[in-house]
Amino acid sequence: QVQLVESGGGLVQAGGSLRLSCAASGRTVSSRVVAWFRQAPGKERDFVAAISWSGSTTFYADSVKGRFTISRDNTKKTVYMQMNSLKSEDTAVYYCAAKAVGSAYDNNPRLYDYWGQGTQVTVSS
């Protein structure tokens, strides 16, 4: 089992920045691939970014490419997502997810086994 806890969400003006963190505990070998998803009210949960265990492979949704950066520090068992140039359409609950096997190119939420509770990001225009 892996427990994931997100932090770093909040209210920010359009054009601003936030850094989300996802701290893992428990059987962290099961978090070889970690991803961020987001869900806006009334919408499906969408893929945002993912990172491999070594950090050498990252994958982004087109909507955030060039603005968001995912990274990880395995010594701290934490994955980060730096979000710059935020837009109102980035407003959503952001979830951290993990899986033990597979690729960082997997953007289907059904492929991820462990999920955090989510952190709210609100971008005001």
C-alpha atoms as a PDB file:
ATOM      1  CA  GLN A   1       0.000   0.000   0.000  1.00  0.00           C
ATOM      2  CA  VAL A   2       1.053   3.533  -0.732  1.00  0.00           C
ATOM      3  CA  GLN A   3      -0.393   6.611   0.896  1.00  0.00           C
ATOM      4  CA  LEU A   4      -0.261   9.851  -1.059  1.00  0.00           C
ATOM      5  CA  VAL A   5      -0.813  13.311   0.396  1.00  0.00           C
ATOM      6  CA  GLU A   6      -1.015  16.410  -1.788  1.00  0.00           C
ATOM      7  CA  SER A   7      -0.280  19.944  -0.656  1.00  0.00           C
ATOM      8  CA  GLY A   8       0.414  23.345  -2.131  1.00  0.00           C
ATOM      9  CA  GLY A   9      -2.927  24.230  -3.644  1.00  0.00           C
ATOM     10  CA  GLY A  10      -4.563  27.593  -3.154  1.00  0.00           C
ATOM     11  CA  LEU A  11      -5.915  30.723  -4.762  1.00  0.00           C
ATOM     12  CA  VAL A  12      -3.739  32.572  -7.249  1.00  0.00           C
ATOM     13  CA  GLN A  13      -4.277  35.245  -9.875  1.00  0.00           C
ATOM     14  CA  ALA A  14      -4.013  34.444 -13.544  1.00  0.00           C
ATOM     15  CA  GLY A  15      -0.391  34.512 -14.626  1.00  0.00           C
ATOM     16  CA  GLY A  16       0.797  33.452 -11.204  1.00  0.00           C
ATOM     17  CA  SER A  17       2.525  30.293 -10.001  1.00  0.00           C
ATOM     18  CA  LEU A  18       2.004  27.476  -7.535  1.00  0.00           C
ATOM     19  CA  ARG A  19       4.012  24.398  -6.622  1.00  0.00           C
ATOM     20  CA  LEU A  20       2.150  21.253  -5.689  1.00  0.00           C
ATOM     21  CA  SER A  21       3.729  18.471  -3.660  1.00  0.00           C
ATOM     22  CA  CYS A  22       2.791  14.806  -3.397  1.00  0.00           C
ATOM     23  CA  ALA A  23       4.330  13.023  -0.430  1.00  0.00           C
ATOM     24  CA  ALA A  24       4.343   9.224  -0.436  1.00  0.00           C
ATOM     25  CA  SER A  25       4.534   6.831   2.474  1.00  0.00           C
ATOM     26  CA  GLY A  26       4.200   3.108   2.920  1.00  0.00           C
ATOM     27  CA  ARG A  27       5.320   0.728   0.208  1.00  0.00           C
ATOM     28  CA  THR A  28       6.832   3.411  -1.998  1.00  0.00           C
ATOM     29  CA  VAL A  29       8.189   0.890  -4.477  1.00  0.00           C
ATOM     30  CA  SER A  30       4.582   0.873  -5.658  1.00  0.00           C
ATOM     31  CA  SER A  31       4.948   4.488  -6.718  1.00  0.00           C
ATOM     32  CA  ARG A  32       7.422   3.963  -9.518  1.00  0.00           C
ATOM     33  CA  VAL A  33       5.313   6.091 -11.833  1.00  0.00           C
ATOM     34  CA  VAL A  34       3.599   9.127 -10.363  1.00  0.00           C
ATOM     35  CA  ALA A  35       1.147  11.349 -12.175  1.00  0.00           C
ATOM     36  CA  TRP A  36      -0.978  14.397 -11.592  1.00  0.00           C
ATOM     37  CA  PHE A  37      -4.581  14.509 -12.713  1.00  0.00           C
ATOM     38  CA  ARG A  38      -7.133  17.261 -12.285  1.00  0.00           C
ATOM     39  CA  GLN A  39     -10.878  17.461 -12.151  1.00  0.00           C
ATOM     40  CA  ALA A  40     -12.993  20.564 -12.589  1.00  0.00           C
ATOM     41  CA  PRO A  41     -16.612  20.647 -11.396  1.00  0.00           C
ATOM     42  CA  GLY A  42     -18.864  18.649 -13.693  1.00  0.00           C
ATOM     43  CA  LYS A  43     -15.964  17.370 -15.776  1.00  0.00           C
ATOM     44  CA  GLU A  44     -13.996  14.162 -16.043  1.00  0.00           C
ATOM     45  CA  ARG A  45     -10.671  13.623 -14.351  1.00  0.00           C
ATOM     46  CA  ASP A  46      -7.983  14.661 -16.828  1.00  0.00           C
ATOM     47  CA  PHE A  47      -4.342  13.748 -17.077  1.00  0.00           C
ATOM     48  CA  VAL A  48      -1.877  16.557 -16.440  1.00  0.00           C
ATOM     49  CA  ALA A  49       1.638  15.112 -16.156  1.00  0.00           C
ATOM     50  CA  ALA A  50       3.568  11.989 -15.164  1.00  0.00           C
ATOM     51  CA  ILE A  51       7.108  11.068 -14.219  1.00  0.00           C
ATOM     52  CA  SER A  52       9.079   7.844 -14.132  1.00  0.00           C
ATOM     53  CA  TRP A  53      10.933   6.519 -11.095  1.00  0.00           C
ATOM     54  CA  SER A  54      14.288   7.910 -12.204  1.00  0.00           C
ATOM     55  CA  GLY A  55      12.795  11.156 -13.397  1.00  0.00           C
ATOM     56  CA  SER A  56      14.309  10.647 -16.825  1.00  0.00           C
ATOM     57  CA  THR A  57      10.906  10.328 -18.475  1.00  0.00           C
ATOM     58  CA  THR A  58       8.206  12.958 -18.149  1.00  0.00           C
ATOM     59  CA  PHE A  59       4.992  13.336 -20.080  1.00  0.00           C
ATOM     60  CA  TYR A  60       2.599  16.282 -20.224  1.00  0.00           C
ATOM     61  CA  ALA A  61      -0.856  17.036 -21.469  1.00  0.00           C
ATOM     62  CA  ASP A  62      -0.758  19.476 -24.374  1.00  0.00           C
ATOM     63  CA  SER A  63      -2.737  22.002 -22.343  1.00  0.00           C
ATOM     64  CA  VAL A  64       0.049  22.408 -19.775  1.00  0.00           C
ATOM     65  CA  LYS A  65       3.167  21.748 -21.841  1.00  0.00           C
ATOM     66  CA  GLY A  66       5.667  24.553 -21.410  1.00  0.00           C
ATOM     67  CA  ARG A  67       3.912  25.890 -18.302  1.00  0.00           C
ATOM     68  CA  PHE A  68       4.013  22.975 -15.837  1.00  0.00           C
ATOM     69  CA  THR A  69       7.064  20.985 -14.767  1.00  0.00           C
ATOM     70  CA  ILE A  70       6.915  17.681 -12.887  1.00  0.00           C
ATOM     71  CA  SER A  71       9.889  16.488 -10.853  1.00  0.00           C
ATOM     72  CA  ARG A  72      10.642  14.122  -8.001  1.00  0.00           C
ATOM     73  CA  ASP A  73      13.013  13.689  -5.094  1.00  0.00           C
ATOM     74  CA  ASN A  74      13.072  10.012  -4.167  1.00  0.00           C
ATOM     75  CA  THR A  75      15.128  10.684  -1.046  1.00  0.00           C
ATOM     76  CA  LYS A  76      12.168  12.705   0.220  1.00  0.00           C
ATOM     77  CA  LYS A  77       9.593  10.392  -1.386  1.00  0.00           C
ATOM     78  CA  THR A  78       7.995  13.459  -2.896  1.00  0.00           C
ATOM     79  CA  VAL A  79       6.854  14.452  -6.369  1.00  0.00           C
ATOM     80  CA  TYR A  80       6.435  18.088  -7.273  1.00  0.00           C
ATOM     81  CA  MET A  81       4.625  19.999  -9.957  1.00  0.00           C
ATOM     82  CA  GLN A  82       5.644  23.558 -10.616  1.00  0.00           C
ATOM     83  CA  MET A  83       2.797  25.419 -12.296  1.00  0.00           C
ATOM     84  CA  ASN A  84       3.590  28.718 -13.997  1.00  0.00           C
ATOM     85  CA  SER A  85       1.545  31.114 -16.115  1.00  0.00           C
ATOM     86  CA  LEU A  86      -1.630  29.810 -14.575  1.00  0.00           C
ATOM     87  CA  LYS A  87      -4.908  30.338 -16.384  1.00  0.00           C
ATOM     88  CA  SER A  88      -8.482  30.331 -15.166  1.00  0.00           C
ATOM     89  CA  GLU A  89      -9.010  27.048 -16.999  1.00  0.00           C
ATOM     90  CA  ASP A  90      -6.407  25.430 -14.729  1.00  0.00           C
ATOM     91  CA  THR A  91      -8.872  25.729 -11.850  1.00  0.00           C
ATOM     92  CA  ALA A  92      -9.591  22.235 -10.558  1.00  0.00           C
ATOM     93  CA  VAL A  93      -8.917  19.759  -7.798  1.00  0.00           C
ATOM     94  CA  TYR A  94      -5.496  18.276  -8.458  1.00  0.00           C
ATOM     95  CA  TYR A  95      -4.866  14.647  -7.580  1.00  0.00           C
ATOM     96  CA  CYS A  96      -1.628  12.755  -7.241  1.00  0.00           C
ATOM     97  CA  ALA A  97      -1.686   9.138  -8.424  1.00  0.00           C
ATOM     98  CA  ALA A  98       0.831   6.309  -8.451  1.00  0.00           C
ATOM     99  CA  LYS A  99       1.392   2.870  -9.903  1.00  0.00           C
ATOM    100  CA  ALA A 100       4.079   0.250  -9.607  1.00  0.00           C
ATOM    101  CA  VAL A 101       4.359  -0.827 -13.212  1.00  0.00           C
ATOM    102  CA  GLY A 102       3.834   0.591 -16.645  1.00  0.00           C
ATOM    103  CA  SER A 103       4.974   3.694 -18.408  1.00  0.00           C
ATOM    104  CA  ALA A 104       5.047   7.355 -17.557  1.00  0.00           C
ATOM    105  CA  TYR A 105       3.217   7.783 -20.866  1.00  0.00           C
ATOM    106  CA  ASP A 106       0.112   6.189 -19.367  1.00  0.00           C
ATOM    107  CA  ASN A 107      -2.495   8.950 -19.158  1.00  0.00           C
ATOM    108  CA  ASN A 108      -5.517   6.799 -18.341  1.00  0.00           C
ATOM    109  CA  PRO A 109      -6.541   7.259 -14.686  1.00  0.00           C
ATOM    110  CA  ARG A 110      -7.764   3.660 -14.551  1.00  0.00           C
ATOM    111  CA  LEU A 111      -4.151   2.488 -14.842  1.00  0.00           C
ATOM    112  CA  TYR A 112      -3.195   4.107 -11.544  1.00  0.00           C
ATOM    113  CA  ASP A 113      -3.624   2.155  -8.337  1.00  0.00           C
ATOM    114  CA  TYR A 114      -3.144   4.730  -5.592  1.00  0.00           C
ATOM    115  CA  TRP A 115      -4.635   8.176  -5.216  1.00  0.00           C
ATOM    116  CA  GLY A 116      -4.367  11.110  -2.871  1.00  0.00           C
ATOM    117  CA  GLN A 117      -7.297  13.121  -1.554  1.00  0.00           C
ATOM    118  CA  GLY A 118      -6.665  16.082  -3.830  1.00  0.00           C
ATOM    119  CA  THR A 119      -5.792  19.734  -3.402  1.00  0.00           C
ATOM    120  CA  GLN A 120      -7.818  22.640  -4.755  1.00  0.00           C
ATOM    121  CA  VAL A 121      -6.236  25.072  -7.193  1.00  0.00           C
ATOM    122  CA  THR A 122      -8.246  28.175  -8.012  1.00  0.00           C
ATOM    123  CA  VAL A 123      -7.020  30.690 -10.571  1.00  0.00           C
ATOM    124  CA  SER A 124      -8.829  34.009 -10.604  1.00  0.00           C
ATOM    125  CA  SER A 125      -8.966  36.034 -13.797  1.00  0.00           C
END
